[in-house]
Amino acid sequence: MPHVRTSGFRSAGWVRRGQILSAKSNRQQQYFSQLVRDDRPFRMAVLGSGPAGFYSVYKVMQGIDNAVVDMYEQLPVPFGLVRYGVAPDHPEVKNCQDKFTEVASSPNFNFIGNVRIGQDIMLDDLTQHYDAILFAYGASRDRKLGIVGEDTLHGIYAARDFVGWYNGLPEFSHLDPRLHDSDTAVIIGQGNVALDVARTLLTSVDALRHTDISEQALASLSKSRIKRVHVVGRRGPMQFACTIKEVRELLKLPSVAFEAIDRDLLPPDLSSLPRTAKRLTKLLLEGSSTPLTDARKSWSFDFLLSPLRFIPGHDNKSAQLNAVSFSKMGFADAADRFNPAAKVQKVGEERPQLIQTSLAFRSIGYQSEPLPGMSELGIAFDEHRGIITNDGYGRLVPRAREANQADTIPGMYCVGWVKRGPTGVIANTMEDSFATAAAIVADWNNKATFLGGGDGWQSIQGGVTERGIRTVSWDDWLKIDVAEKKRGNTLGKEREKFTSKQDMLKILD
């Protein structure tokens, strides 16, 4: 058996490949290799099957000859955010699935679905069978507002949960938002996800019927009483983060009016604005083609309001949301109000502004969480930012460096939202993925230190099967895919997704 030189992050010395160094009581177990690899392929485990994972795999397999990739996914189905986060009325955004399917067609690619890393397979076990591990599992929770009533009143939903619900994500199949209890909805946050929620609430159900929105969502939306939507933000129109495309789509909704923005919040002269800001400002000034007097529904951007508390009804004794209270905000420097980086602050002792509603959504961002076993491997996770600490190129940085340790953890990489935070669109994720993949390829080709290698899934599969875990292969996914399209065909739509893992797995019996 060949010998392996440990380096950097672990103690120095020679050990046999496959042998784990005995850790001191306060140190994690881990081993790394630095050997000539001409006799075996590069093997990488990818944790997560969304765009970040697939784009990275595409570039790694291009850059390293005969690379073998095992992609692990906790759901029985692939594609992550593309399948469960993209709005149903944006089918063109999902075209990247064709490229991902092409990547998966390689004989050197394995999809292992319905497996939870940290529960069904321990993270430490993976380190013993791969050269590299790529963390690409995205953001699994939403950020909270941290205000009174948020966790106690009915009628308050995370935008992430609502989007998952109408997209058929099993985790939220039982959400049952009370869309028929109010004619007004308040969305706190002004990013693209907030506008997706607003557009879904305001769009005619008939316009959604032929998309891949879930049938249970259609049934609920058909009973919705929502006529008015407030999209609320702490800052002004020159500071918010949504894209032109999302705003334009809302403004063009038939029979839906947009309430005009206070002209003082927009620059008097648009000629000096950057191109993107100029286009967005012009859109906001033009407004919608439907006047308020002719509209069935309406919406507005409500600026300079910071959520203060959620208020119950019936003299504070009800568990149902009745109103949202907001503190009024102002610019720290009024002359700076058109600056994209302008700061805001609470305005004196003005009385809070109330918006009456029994339906509210928080949409202030997503956040990643650490996987079980990360800490034991010395992986640093920034709880405040919700990312794995890395060098900016995706190489993981150790939790606590000791003398003579390497700056990064050999063979450990991250990509996507768990690397940089939940920002940008899929195109940004692609660029980020290519950058991380380039780092992996460069490290391998330059014979940098990696994990100890091994046979990957081939060595792990037996133990997983013995524990009664039903894994899903790529061929299995294709069977689920065919079944969903068949269900959709009977309803006049592209597909009708299964909204429970059990129903997905029944197709494979």
Protein backbone atom coordinates (compact mmCIF):
# COMPACT_ATOMS: atom_id res chain seq x y z
CA MET A 1 0.00 0.00 0.00
CA PRO A 2 1.45 3.40 -0.91
CA HIS A 3 2.35 5.88 1.78
CA VAL A 4 0.73 9.28 2.13
CA ARG A 5 2.40 12.43 3.41
CA THR A 6 0.23 14.44 5.77
CA SER A 7 0.68 18.15 5.52
CA GLY A 8 -0.26 21.56 6.86
CA PHE A 9 -3.54 21.39 8.71
CA ARG A 10 -2.79 18.07 10.42
CA SER A 11 0.37 16.99 12.24
CA ALA A 12 3.31 16.13 10.01
CA GLY A 13 4.39 12.53 9.33
CA TRP A 14 3.85 9.56 7.07
CA VAL A 15 0.75 7.37 7.23
CA ARG A 16 -0.81 4.82 4.96
CA ARG A 17 -3.65 5.89 2.68
CA GLY A 18 -6.96 5.16 4.40
CA GLN A 19 -5.47 5.42 7.89
CA ILE A 20 -6.85 8.19 10.06
CA LEU A 21 -4.46 9.88 12.43
CA SER A 22 -5.36 9.45 16.07
CA ALA A 23 -6.54 12.84 17.27
CA LYS A 24 -5.67 14.33 20.60
CA SER A 25 -8.63 14.76 22.91
CA ASN A 26 -9.30 18.33 21.83
CA ARG A 27 -8.58 17.94 18.12
CA GLN A 28 -10.62 16.60 15.22
CA GLN A 29 -9.84 13.48 13.23
CA GLN A 30 -8.76 14.14 9.67
CA TYR A 31 -6.08 13.19 7.19
CA PHE A 32 -4.76 14.53 3.94
CA SER A 33 -2.64 13.25 1.09
CA GLN A 34 -0.05 14.69 -1.19
CA LEU A 35 0.99 12.04 -3.68
CA VAL A 36 1.36 11.48 -7.40
CA ARG A 37 -2.18 10.69 -8.58
CA ASP A 38 -1.59 9.39 -12.09
CA ASP A 39 -2.85 5.94 -11.08
CA ARG A 40 -6.35 6.91 -9.99
CA PRO A 41 -9.11 9.39 -10.85
CA PHE A 42 -9.95 12.50 -8.88
CA ARG A 43 -13.07 11.82 -6.77
CA MET A 44 -15.24 14.59 -5.39
CA ALA A 45 -18.36 14.55 -3.22
CA VAL A 46 -20.78 17.41 -3.87
CA LEU A 47 -23.28 18.15 -1.11
CA GLY A 48 -26.32 19.70 -2.77
CA SER A 49 -27.81 19.43 -6.26
CA GLY A 50 -28.77 23.01 -7.06
CA PRO A 51 -27.25 25.33 -9.68
CA ALA A 52 -24.08 25.97 -7.65
CA GLY A 53 -23.32 22.27 -7.42
CA PHE A 54 -24.07 21.46 -11.04
CA TYR A 55 -22.20 24.40 -12.54
CA SER A 56 -19.18 23.53 -10.40
CA VAL A 57 -19.28 19.89 -11.47
CA TYR A 58 -19.49 20.93 -15.12
CA LYS A 59 -16.27 22.93 -14.89
CA VAL A 60 -14.41 20.44 -12.68
CA MET A 61 -15.15 17.59 -15.08
CA GLN A 62 -13.94 19.79 -17.92
CA GLY A 63 -10.71 20.68 -16.13
CA ILE A 64 -9.70 17.33 -14.60
CA ASP A 65 -9.48 14.30 -16.86
CA ASN A 66 -11.60 11.34 -15.75
CA ALA A 67 -12.86 13.14 -12.64
CA VAL A 68 -15.55 11.17 -10.81
CA VAL A 69 -18.27 13.08 -8.99
CA ASP A 70 -20.85 11.82 -6.50
CA MET A 71 -23.61 14.36 -5.86
CA TYR A 72 -25.57 13.94 -2.61
CA GLU A 73 -29.05 15.43 -2.15
CA GLN A 74 -31.43 15.17 0.82
CA LEU A 75 -34.50 15.16 -1.45
CA PRO A 76 -35.22 12.35 -3.92
CA VAL A 77 -35.11 14.90 -6.76
CA PRO A 78 -32.37 17.25 -8.05
CA PHE A 79 -32.05 20.92 -9.04
CA GLY A 80 -32.64 22.64 -5.69
CA LEU A 81 -33.48 26.32 -6.10
CA VAL A 82 -34.26 25.94 -9.80
CA ARG A 83 -37.02 23.46 -9.03
CA TYR A 84 -38.30 24.91 -5.78
CA GLY A 85 -37.28 28.57 -5.74
CA VAL A 86 -37.86 29.92 -9.26
CA ALA A 87 -41.32 31.39 -9.77
CA PRO A 88 -43.71 29.17 -11.79
CA ASP A 89 -44.27 31.96 -14.33
CA HIS A 90 -40.52 32.09 -15.08
CA PRO A 91 -40.07 28.81 -16.98
CA GLU A 92 -37.23 30.25 -19.07
CA VAL A 93 -35.07 30.51 -15.93
CA LYS A 94 -35.38 26.76 -15.50
CA ASN A 95 -33.79 26.03 -18.89
CA CYS A 96 -30.46 25.55 -17.09
CA GLN A 97 -31.81 22.15 -16.07
CA ASP A 98 -31.02 20.99 -19.60
CA LYS A 99 -27.33 21.72 -19.03
CA PHE A 100 -27.45 20.00 -15.65
CA THR A 101 -29.04 16.92 -17.22
CA GLU A 102 -26.25 16.89 -19.79
CA VAL A 103 -23.68 16.95 -16.97
CA ALA A 104 -25.49 14.11 -15.21
CA SER A 105 -25.38 11.96 -18.35
CA SER A 106 -21.64 11.43 -17.89
CA PRO A 107 -20.74 7.89 -16.77
CA ASN A 108 -18.45 9.54 -14.20
CA PHE A 109 -21.36 11.29 -12.49
CA ASN A 110 -23.48 9.71 -9.75
CA PHE A 111 -26.58 11.20 -8.16
CA ILE A 112 -27.41 9.94 -4.68
CA GLY A 113 -30.75 11.37 -3.64
CA ASN A 114 -32.84 10.98 -0.48
CA VAL A 115 -29.73 11.01 1.73
CA ARG A 116 -29.14 13.41 4.63
CA ILE A 117 -25.52 14.29 5.30
CA GLY A 118 -24.94 14.35 9.04
CA GLN A 119 -27.71 11.81 9.68
CA ASP A 120 -27.76 9.05 7.07
CA ILE A 121 -24.09 9.55 6.21
CA MET A 122 -21.67 11.22 8.59
CA LEU A 123 -19.55 14.02 7.21
CA ASP A 124 -16.44 12.47 8.73
CA ASP A 125 -17.14 9.25 6.78
CA LEU A 126 -17.07 11.16 3.50
CA THR A 127 -13.61 12.53 4.20
CA GLN A 128 -12.24 8.98 4.17
CA HIS A 129 -13.43 8.15 0.65
CA TYR A 130 -12.86 11.28 -1.46
CA ASP A 131 -10.14 13.62 -2.60
CA ALA A 132 -12.41 16.63 -2.17
CA ILE A 133 -15.74 17.64 -0.68
CA LEU A 134 -17.69 20.55 -2.16
CA PHE A 135 -20.35 22.10 0.09
CA ALA A 136 -23.10 23.38 -2.21
CA TYR A 137 -26.23 22.95 -0.08
CA GLY A 138 -27.55 26.51 -0.21
CA ALA A 139 -29.58 28.32 2.44
CA SER A 140 -32.10 26.28 4.41
CA ARG A 141 -33.79 28.93 6.53
CA ASP A 142 -35.03 32.50 6.32
CA ARG A 143 -33.88 35.46 8.37
CA LYS A 144 -36.26 36.61 11.06
CA LEU A 145 -37.26 40.15 11.96
CA GLY A 146 -37.00 39.59 15.70
CA ILE A 147 -40.05 41.68 16.59
CA VAL A 148 -43.03 41.16 18.90
CA GLY A 149 -45.70 38.79 17.61
CA GLU A 150 -43.56 37.23 14.89
CA ASP A 151 -43.57 33.75 16.43
CA THR A 152 -46.89 33.85 18.25
CA LEU A 153 -49.53 35.19 15.85
CA HIS A 154 -51.28 33.35 13.03
CA GLY A 155 -51.11 34.85 9.55
CA ILE A 156 -47.36 35.57 9.42
CA TYR A 157 -45.32 33.56 6.92
CA ALA A 158 -41.76 33.43 5.71
CA ALA A 159 -41.55 34.24 2.01
CA ARG A 160 -39.22 31.24 1.65
CA ASP A 161 -41.92 28.93 3.03
CA PHE A 162 -44.61 30.44 0.81
CA VAL A 163 -42.44 30.11 -2.31
CA GLY A 164 -41.63 26.52 -1.38
CA TRP A 165 -45.34 25.83 -0.84
CA TYR A 166 -46.52 27.05 -4.23
CA ASN A 167 -43.57 25.31 -5.91
CA GLY A 168 -44.42 21.95 -4.32
CA LEU A 169 -41.51 21.61 -1.88
CA PRO A 170 -42.45 18.67 0.42
CA GLU A 171 -41.26 20.51 3.52
CA PHE A 172 -44.03 23.10 3.11
CA SER A 173 -46.81 21.03 1.55
CA HIS A 174 -48.99 21.53 4.66
CA LEU A 175 -48.44 25.30 4.97
CA ASP A 176 -52.05 26.30 4.05
CA PRO A 177 -51.66 30.11 4.02
CA ARG A 178 -54.92 31.89 4.89
CA LEU A 179 -55.31 33.86 1.68
CA HIS A 180 -59.08 34.16 2.11
CA ASP A 181 -58.98 35.88 5.50
CA SER A 182 -57.91 39.33 4.33
CA ASP A 183 -58.12 41.64 1.32
CA THR A 184 -54.71 43.14 2.15
CA ALA A 185 -51.26 41.55 2.31
CA VAL A 186 -48.08 43.10 3.70
CA ILE A 187 -44.69 41.92 2.44
CA ILE A 188 -41.73 43.09 4.51
CA GLY A 189 -38.72 43.31 2.23
CA GLN A 190 -38.24 44.63 -1.31
CA GLY A 191 -35.96 42.10 -2.99
CA ASN A 192 -36.78 39.76 -5.86
CA VAL A 193 -38.32 37.10 -3.62
CA ALA A 194 -40.67 39.69 -2.13
CA LEU A 195 -41.74 40.69 -5.64
CA ASP A 196 -42.26 37.03 -6.58
CA VAL A 197 -44.65 36.72 -3.65
CA ALA A 198 -46.45 39.93 -4.61
CA ARG A 199 -46.78 38.86 -8.24
CA THR A 200 -48.16 35.46 -7.26
CA LEU A 201 -50.78 37.08 -5.03
CA LEU A 202 -51.81 39.57 -7.72
CA THR A 203 -51.69 37.39 -10.84
CA SER A 204 -54.90 35.92 -12.22
CA VAL A 205 -55.24 32.25 -11.32
CA ASP A 206 -56.04 31.48 -14.97
CA ALA A 207 -52.62 32.84 -15.96
CA LEU A 208 -50.96 30.40 -13.54
CA ARG A 209 -52.89 27.26 -14.47
CA HIS A 210 -50.51 26.19 -17.23
CA THR A 211 -47.35 26.70 -15.16
CA ASP A 212 -45.85 24.07 -12.86
CA ILE A 213 -47.33 25.72 -9.74
CA SER A 214 -48.78 23.06 -7.43
CA GLU A 215 -52.46 22.25 -7.69
CA GLN A 216 -52.96 22.83 -3.97
CA ALA A 217 -51.54 26.34 -4.41
CA LEU A 218 -53.88 26.98 -7.33
CA ALA A 219 -56.83 25.86 -5.23
CA SER A 220 -55.87 28.23 -2.43
CA LEU A 221 -55.13 31.16 -4.75
CA SER A 222 -58.49 30.69 -6.47
CA LYS A 223 -60.15 31.44 -3.11
CA SER A 224 -57.88 34.37 -2.29
CA ARG A 225 -59.48 37.67 -1.31
CA ILE A 226 -56.25 39.67 -1.68
CA LYS A 227 -56.86 42.94 -3.54
CA ARG A 228 -54.11 45.14 -2.10
CA VAL A 229 -50.42 44.36 -1.55
CA HIS A 230 -47.92 46.53 0.31
CA VAL A 231 -44.23 45.82 -0.41
CA VAL A 232 -42.47 47.52 2.48
CA GLY A 233 -38.81 48.52 2.92
CA ARG A 234 -36.66 50.41 5.41
CA ARG A 235 -34.91 52.56 2.81
CA GLY A 236 -35.91 54.45 -0.33
CA PRO A 237 -36.38 53.60 -4.01
CA MET A 238 -32.76 54.42 -4.88
CA GLN A 239 -31.50 51.86 -2.36
CA PHE A 240 -33.67 48.78 -2.83
CA ALA A 241 -32.30 45.57 -4.32
CA CYS A 242 -34.86 44.17 -6.76
CA THR A 243 -34.17 43.83 -10.48
CA ILE A 244 -35.73 45.68 -13.39
CA LYS A 245 -37.31 42.50 -14.76
CA GLU A 246 -39.22 41.81 -11.56
CA VAL A 247 -40.55 45.37 -11.29
CA ARG A 248 -41.55 45.48 -14.95
CA GLU A 249 -43.53 42.23 -14.66
CA LEU A 250 -45.51 43.57 -11.72
CA LEU A 251 -46.22 46.84 -13.52
CA LYS A 252 -47.53 44.98 -16.56
CA LEU A 253 -49.99 42.71 -14.74
CA PRO A 254 -53.45 43.08 -16.34
CA SER A 255 -56.04 44.92 -14.26
CA VAL A 256 -53.49 45.63 -11.53
CA ALA A 257 -52.60 49.22 -10.61
CA PHE A 258 -49.42 50.59 -9.07
CA GLU A 259 -49.73 53.40 -6.57
CA ALA A 260 -47.38 56.25 -7.44
CA ILE A 261 -44.20 56.84 -5.45
CA ASP A 262 -43.57 60.13 -3.68
CA ARG A 263 -41.69 62.11 -6.35
CA ASP A 264 -39.39 63.63 -3.72
CA LEU A 265 -37.83 60.19 -3.20
CA LEU A 266 -36.63 60.10 -6.82
CA PRO A 267 -33.95 62.32 -8.41
CA PRO A 268 -35.31 65.33 -10.34
CA ASP A 269 -32.74 64.76 -13.07
CA LEU A 270 -32.26 61.16 -14.25
CA SER A 271 -29.62 61.91 -16.86
CA SER A 272 -26.68 61.47 -14.47
CA LEU A 273 -27.85 58.14 -13.04
CA PRO A 274 -26.07 54.88 -13.94
CA ARG A 275 -27.83 52.97 -16.72
CA THR A 276 -29.53 50.36 -14.51
CA ALA A 277 -30.69 52.90 -11.92
CA LYS A 278 -31.99 55.17 -14.69
CA ARG A 279 -34.05 52.39 -16.29
CA LEU A 280 -35.51 51.31 -12.96
CA THR A 281 -36.39 54.88 -11.97
CA LYS A 282 -38.10 55.51 -15.31
CA LEU A 283 -40.18 52.37 -14.80
CA LEU A 284 -41.29 53.53 -11.37
CA LEU A 285 -42.21 56.97 -12.72
CA GLU A 286 -44.18 55.53 -15.63
CA GLY A 287 -46.11 53.23 -13.30
CA SER A 288 -48.69 50.74 -14.50
CA SER A 289 -50.88 50.99 -17.57
CA THR A 290 -53.99 50.30 -15.48
CA PRO A 291 -55.27 53.35 -13.54
CA LEU A 292 -56.44 52.81 -9.96
CA THR A 293 -60.02 53.58 -10.93
CA ASP A 294 -60.11 50.64 -13.37
CA ALA A 295 -58.05 48.12 -11.40
CA ARG A 296 -59.27 44.96 -9.71
CA LYS A 297 -56.16 44.86 -7.56
CA SER A 298 -53.34 47.24 -6.61
CA TRP A 299 -49.92 47.29 -5.04
CA SER A 300 -47.37 49.76 -3.77
CA PHE A 301 -43.79 50.16 -2.69
CA ASP A 302 -43.96 51.57 0.85
CA PHE A 303 -40.60 53.13 1.63
CA LEU A 304 -38.87 54.30 4.80
CA LEU A 305 -40.80 52.02 7.13
CA SER A 306 -39.16 49.65 9.62
CA PRO A 307 -41.30 46.87 11.15
CA LEU A 308 -41.91 47.48 14.84
CA ARG A 309 -44.37 44.78 15.92
CA PHE A 310 -47.17 42.51 14.77
CA ILE A 311 -50.44 43.40 16.45
CA PRO A 312 -53.22 40.94 17.34
CA GLY A 313 -56.91 41.75 17.24
CA HIS A 314 -59.57 41.85 19.93
CA ASP A 315 -57.71 43.88 22.51
CA ASN A 316 -54.51 41.87 22.19
CA LYS A 317 -56.24 38.63 23.22
CA SER A 318 -56.51 37.11 19.75
CA ALA A 319 -53.83 34.87 18.27
CA GLN A 320 -54.62 36.22 14.79
CA LEU A 321 -52.63 39.02 13.17
CA ASN A 322 -54.67 42.20 12.85
CA ALA A 323 -52.11 44.86 11.86
CA VAL A 324 -48.43 45.57 11.39
CA SER A 325 -46.86 48.55 13.15
CA PHE A 326 -43.95 50.37 11.49
CA SER A 327 -41.49 52.99 12.70
CA LYS A 328 -41.07 55.87 10.27
CA MET A 329 -37.55 56.23 8.93
CA GLY A 330 -35.70 59.14 7.39
CA PHE A 331 -32.38 59.64 5.70
CA ALA A 332 -29.48 60.43 8.01
CA ASP A 333 -28.51 63.07 5.45
CA ALA A 334 -31.43 64.30 3.36
CA ALA A 335 -29.06 65.51 0.66
CA ASP A 336 -27.77 61.95 0.35
CA ARG A 337 -31.17 60.31 -0.27
CA PHE A 338 -30.40 59.41 -3.90
CA ASN A 339 -27.16 57.66 -2.98
CA PRO A 340 -27.53 53.83 -3.24
CA ALA A 341 -25.57 53.53 0.02
CA ALA A 342 -27.55 56.19 1.90
CA LYS A 343 -28.18 55.44 5.57
CA VAL A 344 -31.54 55.77 7.29
CA GLN A 345 -32.57 56.34 10.89
CA LYS A 346 -35.73 56.48 12.95
CA VAL A 347 -37.58 59.77 12.67
CA GLY A 348 -37.90 61.41 16.10
CA GLU A 349 -40.88 60.43 18.21
CA GLU A 350 -43.43 60.19 15.43
CA ARG A 351 -46.30 57.82 16.02
CA PRO A 352 -45.88 54.41 14.38
CA GLN A 353 -47.66 53.81 11.09
CA LEU A 354 -50.19 50.97 11.06
CA ILE A 355 -51.22 48.80 8.12
CA GLN A 356 -54.32 46.75 8.83
CA THR A 357 -53.99 43.15 7.63
CA SER A 358 -54.31 39.56 8.78
CA LEU A 359 -51.69 38.34 6.27
CA ALA A 360 -48.00 39.25 6.33
CA PHE A 361 -44.82 37.85 4.81
CA ARG A 362 -41.26 38.47 5.91
CA SER A 363 -38.78 38.50 3.04
CA ILE A 364 -35.51 39.87 4.35
CA GLY A 365 -33.19 37.14 3.14
CA TYR A 366 -32.22 33.51 3.50
CA GLN A 367 -29.49 32.01 5.66
CA SER A 368 -27.39 28.86 5.52
CA GLU A 369 -26.82 26.59 8.51
CA PRO A 370 -23.83 24.42 9.41
CA LEU A 371 -24.05 20.68 8.78
CA PRO A 372 -23.65 18.23 11.67
CA GLY A 373 -20.02 17.24 12.02
CA MET A 374 -18.51 20.42 10.59
CA SER A 375 -17.17 21.65 13.89
CA GLU A 376 -15.50 18.31 14.61
CA LEU A 377 -13.62 18.62 11.33
CA GLY A 378 -12.41 22.09 12.20
CA ILE A 379 -14.62 23.80 9.64
CA ALA A 380 -15.41 27.41 10.53
CA PHE A 381 -18.99 28.59 10.07
CA ASP A 382 -19.85 32.28 10.34
CA GLU A 383 -23.21 32.23 12.13
CA HIS A 384 -23.75 35.97 11.67
CA ARG A 385 -23.28 35.92 7.89
CA GLY A 386 -24.63 32.40 7.48
CA ILE A 387 -21.70 31.16 5.38
CA ILE A 388 -18.82 28.72 5.62
CA THR A 389 -15.65 30.70 6.20
CA ASN A 390 -13.58 30.60 3.02
CA ASP A 391 -10.82 32.42 1.20
CA GLY A 392 -13.14 34.01 -1.37
CA TYR A 393 -12.34 31.35 -3.97
CA GLY A 394 -14.20 28.60 -2.13
CA ARG A 395 -11.33 27.03 -0.18
CA LEU A 396 -12.39 26.45 3.42
CA VAL A 397 -10.58 28.23 6.22
CA PRO A 398 -9.98 26.30 9.48
CA ARG A 399 -11.90 27.24 12.60
CA ALA A 400 -8.81 27.85 14.71
CA ARG A 401 -5.37 27.80 13.15
CA GLU A 402 -2.41 26.45 15.06
CA ALA A 403 1.25 27.16 14.41
CA ASN A 404 2.49 25.82 11.07
CA GLN A 405 -1.03 25.05 9.85
CA ALA A 406 -2.10 25.78 6.29
CA ASP A 407 -4.26 28.82 5.59
CA THR A 408 -7.01 26.61 4.13
CA ILE A 409 -8.34 23.10 4.78
CA PRO A 410 -7.02 20.72 2.10
CA GLY A 411 -9.69 19.15 -0.10
CA MET A 412 -12.58 21.18 1.36
CA TYR A 413 -14.46 23.73 -0.76
CA CYS A 414 -17.76 25.61 -0.78
CA VAL A 415 -19.81 27.32 -3.45
CA GLY A 416 -23.03 29.28 -3.96
CA TRP A 417 -25.05 30.80 -1.13
CA VAL A 418 -23.21 28.84 1.56
CA LYS A 419 -20.02 30.45 0.24
CA ARG A 420 -21.02 34.08 -0.39
CA GLY A 421 -24.47 34.50 1.17
CA PRO A 422 -27.94 34.44 -0.43
CA THR A 423 -27.46 37.14 -3.05
CA GLY A 424 -27.78 37.44 -6.81
CA VAL A 425 -29.58 35.51 -9.50
CA ILE A 426 -28.67 32.19 -11.15
CA ALA A 427 -26.22 33.92 -13.50
CA ASN A 428 -24.30 35.17 -10.45
CA THR A 429 -24.30 31.65 -9.05
CA MET A 430 -22.86 30.33 -12.31
CA GLU A 431 -19.98 32.82 -12.20
CA ASP A 432 -19.31 32.00 -8.57
CA SER A 433 -19.38 28.26 -9.31
CA PHE A 434 -16.91 28.61 -12.15
CA ALA A 435 -14.55 30.47 -9.80
CA THR A 436 -14.69 27.74 -7.15
CA ALA A 437 -14.30 25.04 -9.80
CA ALA A 438 -11.24 26.85 -11.16
CA ALA A 439 -9.70 26.77 -7.67
CA ILE A 440 -10.34 23.02 -7.36
CA VAL A 441 -8.88 22.30 -10.80
CA ALA A 442 -5.83 24.49 -10.17
CA ASP A 443 -5.17 22.86 -6.79
CA TRP A 444 -5.41 19.35 -8.25
CA ASN A 445 -3.31 20.08 -11.31
CA ASN A 446 -0.69 21.80 -9.13
CA LYS A 447 -0.58 18.71 -6.89
CA ALA A 448 -1.74 20.55 -3.80
CA THR A 449 -2.72 18.66 -0.67
CA PHE A 450 -6.14 17.00 -0.75
CA LEU A 451 -8.04 14.43 1.30
CA GLY A 452 -6.92 10.80 1.20
CA GLY A 453 -8.97 9.71 -1.79
CA GLY A 454 -10.79 6.39 -2.12
CA ASP A 455 -13.65 4.82 -4.03
CA GLY A 456 -16.35 7.31 -3.06
CA TRP A 457 -19.94 6.10 -3.13
CA GLN A 458 -18.85 2.57 -3.98
CA SER A 459 -17.31 2.28 -0.51
CA ILE A 460 -20.22 3.94 1.31
CA GLN A 461 -23.24 2.46 -0.46
CA GLY A 462 -23.26 -0.90 1.32
CA GLY A 463 -23.48 0.59 4.79
CA VAL A 464 -26.23 3.01 3.76
CA THR A 465 -28.30 0.20 2.23
CA GLU A 466 -27.86 -1.97 5.32
CA ARG A 467 -29.44 0.77 7.42
CA GLY A 468 -32.57 0.61 5.27
CA ILE A 469 -32.12 3.97 3.57
CA ARG A 470 -33.76 4.09 0.14
CA THR A 471 -31.39 6.09 -2.06
CA VAL A 472 -32.38 7.55 -5.42
CA SER A 473 -30.16 7.31 -8.51
CA TRP A 474 -30.26 9.53 -11.59
CA ASP A 475 -32.18 6.84 -13.47
CA ASP A 476 -34.67 6.80 -10.58
CA TRP A 477 -35.06 10.57 -10.87
CA LEU A 478 -35.81 10.23 -14.57
CA LYS A 479 -38.69 7.88 -13.69
CA ILE A 480 -40.06 10.45 -11.23
CA ASP A 481 -39.61 13.12 -13.91
CA VAL A 482 -41.66 11.12 -16.42
CA ALA A 483 -44.41 10.50 -13.85
CA GLU A 484 -44.65 14.20 -12.96
CA LYS A 485 -44.89 15.20 -16.61
CA LYS A 486 -47.60 12.62 -17.15
CA ARG A 487 -49.56 14.04 -14.20
CA GLY A 488 -49.10 17.53 -15.60
CA ASN A 489 -50.24 16.50 -19.07
CA THR A 490 -53.64 15.47 -17.74
CA LEU A 491 -53.98 18.96 -16.23
CA GLY A 492 -52.79 20.88 -19.30
CA LYS A 493 -49.44 21.89 -17.77
CA GLU A 494 -45.80 20.88 -18.14
CA ARG A 495 -45.68 18.92 -14.90
CA GLU A 496 -47.44 18.41 -11.61
CA LYS A 497 -44.82 17.82 -8.94
CA PHE A 498 -45.15 15.28 -6.20
CA THR A 499 -45.37 17.19 -2.94
CA SER A 500 -44.25 14.38 -0.63
CA LYS A 501 -41.16 12.20 -0.56
CA GLN A 502 -43.35 9.14 -0.07
CA ASP A 503 -45.21 9.75 -3.34
CA MET A 504 -41.91 10.24 -5.16
CA LEU A 505 -40.52 6.97 -3.83
CA LYS A 506 -43.71 5.03 -4.62
CA ILE A 507 -42.98 5.60 -8.30
CA LEU A 508 -39.80 3.56 -7.87
CA ASP A 509 -41.45 0.54 -6.18
